[in-house]
Each structure stands twice: as C-alpha cells, then as structure tokens.
C-alpha atoms as a PDB file:
ATOM      1  CA  MET A   1     -82.705  24.650  11.592  1.00  0.00           C
ATOM      2  CA  GLY A   2     -83.947  26.491   8.408  1.00  0.00           C
ATOM      3  CA  LYS A   3     -86.145  28.784   7.814  1.00  0.00           C
ATOM      4  CA  LEU A   4     -88.873  30.115   5.023  1.00  0.00           C
ATOM      5  CA  ILE A   5     -89.035  33.928   5.079  1.00  0.00           C
ATOM      6  CA  TYR A   6     -92.459  34.532   3.172  1.00  0.00           C
ATOM      7  CA  ALA A   7     -92.827  38.044   1.115  1.00  0.00           C
ATOM      8  CA  ARG A   8     -91.509  40.990   2.732  1.00  0.00           C
ATOM      9  CA  SER A   9     -93.452  40.193   6.549  1.00  0.00           C
ATOM     10  CA  GLU A  10     -91.643  39.352   9.417  1.00  0.00           C
ATOM     11  CA  LEU A  11     -93.185  36.088   8.883  1.00  0.00           C
ATOM     12  CA  GLU A  12     -90.645  33.168   9.254  1.00  0.00           C
ATOM     13  CA  ILE A  13     -91.540  29.923   9.868  1.00  0.00           C
ATOM     14  CA  ASP A  14     -88.824  27.940  11.077  1.00  0.00           C
ATOM     15  CA  ILE A  15     -88.526  24.067   9.754  1.00  0.00           C
ATOM     16  CA  ALA A  16     -85.803  21.533   9.766  1.00  0.00           C
ATOM     17  CA  ASP A  17     -83.099  21.781   6.857  1.00  0.00           C
ATOM     18  CA  ARG A  18     -84.004  18.307   5.737  1.00  0.00           C
ATOM     19  CA  ALA A  19     -87.986  18.995   5.937  1.00  0.00           C
ATOM     20  CA  LEU A  20     -87.084  22.992   4.432  1.00  0.00           C
ATOM     21  CA  VAL A  21     -85.360  20.818   0.956  1.00  0.00           C
ATOM     22  CA  HIS A  22     -88.391  18.712   0.073  1.00  0.00           C
ATOM     23  CA  LEU A  23     -90.746  21.726   0.676  1.00  0.00           C
ATOM     24  CA  GLN A  24     -88.454  24.006  -1.727  1.00  0.00           C
ATOM     25  CA  LEU A  25     -88.542  20.903  -4.504  1.00  0.00           C
ATOM     26  CA  VAL A  26     -91.877  20.704  -4.336  1.00  0.00           C
ATOM     27  CA  ILE A  27     -92.853  24.717  -3.265  1.00  0.00           C
ATOM     28  CA  GLY A  28     -90.421  25.690  -6.620  1.00  0.00           C
ATOM     29  CA  ALA A  29     -92.106  23.467  -9.113  1.00  0.00           C
ATOM     30  CA  LYS A  30     -95.745  24.387  -8.495  1.00  0.00           C
ATOM     31  CA  LEU A  31     -94.312  28.469  -8.510  1.00  0.00           C
ATOM     32  CA  ARG A  32     -92.591  27.735 -11.590  1.00  0.00           C
ATOM     33  CA  ARG A  33     -96.008  26.436 -13.002  1.00  0.00           C
ATOM     34  CA  GLY A  34     -97.683  29.817 -11.989  1.00  0.00           C
ATOM     35  CA  GLU A  35     -99.580  28.117  -9.521  1.00  0.00           C
ATOM     36  CA  SER A  36    -100.886  29.667  -6.044  1.00  0.00           C
ATOM     37  CA  PHE A  37    -101.714  27.683  -3.469  1.00  0.00           C
ATOM     38  CA  PHE A  38    -102.175  26.891   0.405  1.00  0.00           C
ATOM     39  CA  PHE A  39     -98.888  25.992   2.784  1.00  0.00           C
ATOM     40  CA  SER A  40    -100.559  24.424   6.015  1.00  0.00           C
ATOM     41  CA  TRP A  41     -98.492  22.927   8.963  1.00  0.00           C
ATOM     42  CA  LYS A  42     -99.932  21.360  12.487  1.00  0.00           C
ATOM     43  CA  GLU A  43     -98.433  24.269  14.942  1.00  0.00           C
ATOM     44  CA  ASP A  44     -95.900  23.143  17.636  1.00  0.00           C
ATOM     45  CA  VAL A  45     -97.546  22.640  21.500  1.00  0.00           C
ATOM     46  CA  SER A  46     -95.421  25.569  22.934  1.00  0.00           C
ATOM     47  CA  VAL A  47     -96.921  27.793  20.213  1.00  0.00           C
ATOM     48  CA  GLY A  48    -100.560  26.645  20.754  1.00  0.00           C
ATOM     49  CA  SER A  49    -101.340  22.651  18.866  1.00  0.00           C
ATOM     50  CA  GLY A  50    -103.522  24.878  16.080  1.00  0.00           C
ATOM     51  CA  ARG A  51    -102.552  25.115  12.402  1.00  0.00           C
ATOM     52  CA  SER A  52    -101.294  27.828  10.396  1.00  0.00           C
ATOM     53  CA  SER A  53    -101.498  28.667   6.539  1.00  0.00           C
ATOM     54  CA  ILE A  54    -100.562  30.665   4.125  1.00  0.00           C
ATOM     55  CA  TRP A  55    -101.263  31.617   0.867  1.00  0.00           C
ATOM     56  CA  LEU A  56     -98.327  30.920  -1.780  1.00  0.00           C
ATOM     57  CA  THR A  57     -97.870  33.164  -5.390  1.00  0.00           C
ATOM     58  CA  PRO A  58     -95.403  33.577  -8.039  1.00  0.00           C
ATOM     59  CA  ALA A  59     -96.089  37.032  -7.488  1.00  0.00           C
ATOM     60  CA  LEU A  60     -94.531  36.920  -3.352  1.00  0.00           C
ATOM     61  CA  PRO A  61     -90.692  37.133  -2.848  1.00  0.00           C
ATOM     62  CA  LEU A  62     -90.142  33.316  -0.848  1.00  0.00           C
ATOM     63  CA  TYR A  63     -86.677  33.189   0.801  1.00  0.00           C
ATOM     64  CA  PHE A  64     -84.862  29.542   1.960  1.00  0.00           C
ATOM     65  CA  ARG A  65     -82.306  29.866   4.265  1.00  0.00           C
ATOM     66  CA  PHE A  66     -80.228  26.923   5.191  1.00  0.00           C
ATOM     67  CA  ARG A  67     -78.286  25.895   8.467  1.00  0.00           C
ATOM     68  CA  GLU A  68     -76.359  23.232   6.964  1.00  0.00           C
ATOM     69  CA  SER A  69     -74.625  22.208   3.467  1.00  0.00           C
ATOM     70  CA  ASN A  70     -74.959  18.913   3.549  1.00  0.00           C
ATOM     71  CA  LEU A  71     -78.663  17.429   3.794  1.00  0.00           C
ATOM     72  CA  GLY A  72     -77.712  13.869   2.189  1.00  0.00           C
ATOM     73  CA  SER A  73     -80.072  12.936  -0.499  1.00  0.00           C
ATOM     74  CA  VAL A  74     -83.884  13.126  -1.543  1.00  0.00           C
ATOM     75  CA  ASN A  75     -86.587  11.119  -0.727  1.00  0.00           C
ATOM     76  CA  ARG A  76     -88.280  10.704  -3.513  1.00  0.00           C
ATOM     77  CA  GLU A  77     -91.069   8.846  -1.605  1.00  0.00           C
ATOM     78  CA  TRP A  78     -91.586  12.345   0.480  1.00  0.00           C
ATOM     79  CA  ILE A  79     -91.414  14.660  -2.385  1.00  0.00           C
ATOM     80  CA  GLU A  80     -94.107  12.324  -3.774  1.00  0.00           C
ATOM     81  CA  LEU A  81     -96.585  12.525  -0.669  1.00  0.00           C
ATOM     82  CA  LEU A  82     -95.871  16.236  -1.036  1.00  0.00           C
ATOM     83  CA  ALA A  83     -96.904  16.667  -4.081  1.00  0.00           C
ATOM     84  CA  ALA A  84     -99.646  15.107  -4.055  1.00  0.00           C
ATOM     85  CA  SER A  85    -100.786  16.967  -1.186  1.00  0.00           C
ATOM     86  CA  ALA A  86     -99.706  20.015  -2.926  1.00  0.00           C
ATOM     87  CA  ASN A  87    -102.071  19.771  -5.508  1.00  0.00           C
ATOM     88  CA  SER A  88    -104.949  18.492  -4.080  1.00  0.00           C
ATOM     89  CA  GLY A  89    -108.082  20.931  -3.032  1.00  0.00           C
ATOM     90  CA  GLN A  90    -106.729  21.566   0.197  1.00  0.00           C
ATOM     91  CA  GLY A  91    -102.978  22.481  -0.993  1.00  0.00           C
ATOM     92  CA  LEU A  92     -99.911  21.449   0.368  1.00  0.00           C
ATOM     93  CA  VAL A  93     -99.952  20.594   4.059  1.00  0.00           C
ATOM     94  CA  TYR A  94     -96.633  19.199   5.549  1.00  0.00           C
ATOM     95  CA  THR A  95     -95.929  15.499   6.781  1.00  0.00           C
ATOM     96  CA  GLU A  96     -93.573  13.885   8.248  1.00  0.00           C
ATOM     97  CA  GLU A  97     -91.170  12.312   6.543  1.00  0.00           C
ATOM     98  CA  PRO A  98     -92.520   8.810   5.681  1.00  0.00           C
ATOM     99  CA  GLY A  99     -90.183   6.046   7.429  1.00  0.00           C
ATOM    100  CA  VAL A 100     -88.511   8.280  10.052  1.00  0.00           C
ATOM    101  CA  PRO A 101     -89.853   9.045  13.957  1.00  0.00           C
ATOM    102  CA  PRO A 102     -90.956  12.772  14.345  1.00  0.00           C
ATOM    103  CA  THR A 103     -87.910  15.482  15.370  1.00  0.00           C
ATOM    104  CA  TRP A 104     -89.724  18.808  15.073  1.00  0.00           C
ATOM    105  CA  LYS A 105     -92.702  20.993  14.194  1.00  0.00           C
ATOM    106  CA  PRO A 106     -92.600  23.870  12.243  1.00  0.00           C
ATOM    107  CA  ARG A 107     -93.358  26.844  14.089  1.00  0.00           C
ATOM    108  CA  GLY A 108     -94.349  30.634  12.920  1.00  0.00           C
ATOM    109  CA  HIS A 109     -92.831  33.838  14.121  1.00  0.00           C
ATOM    110  CA  VAL A 110     -94.876  37.150  13.326  1.00  0.00           C
END
C-alpha cells in the first residue's frame, strides 16, 4: 500500500501501489503543464463511504511513496481513462483499473 502525501499538511491518502503509479503519471503530466485541478475519490465504507477531493496545483509539493518496487507494466487504457477524467471539468476522479476486480479503495487520513 503506497501513500500520496499532500503538501505540508498531515493528509495522507492510502492508495494501492499499482493505482498510485498510474495516478502519478497522470498527475505529473498535468502539473508539468502548470495545470491545477481537483483529485477526487470515493471513501471506503469504514470512513463513511462519502467522497473526498483535494485541489492539486504545481505550487504545492506532493510526495508519492511506494511500498513495492515491482509494479508491473503500465496499463495504457487506465492511463487514458484517468487522463480523460483529469482533463474534464470535474477533475481527476479515481476509477478502478479496467478489467481488474476492485481490491481496495483509497482512504484519507488527517
């Protein structure tokens, strides 16, 4: 289980390593272009099953921490799906990897 650590706050979002590497590619591309956007995900039922969002901007530092070193090959279809979401008016909304049964949900910790 990896973590996306947002800015200098105490917010840490637990994200499976495989999902995190795909999110890093999409988020990195947006931030390299100087684009700000929302990143949203559905919370796990253990923390209320609502929805959370953070505003991502090139001015705020992000830290991607991976637990595993071998994450397999990148799923281009998933990258395209996440990138299309990130480029929409609603911002990047986390979706599960196409064709793979869901195994986890991101969880934020404050």
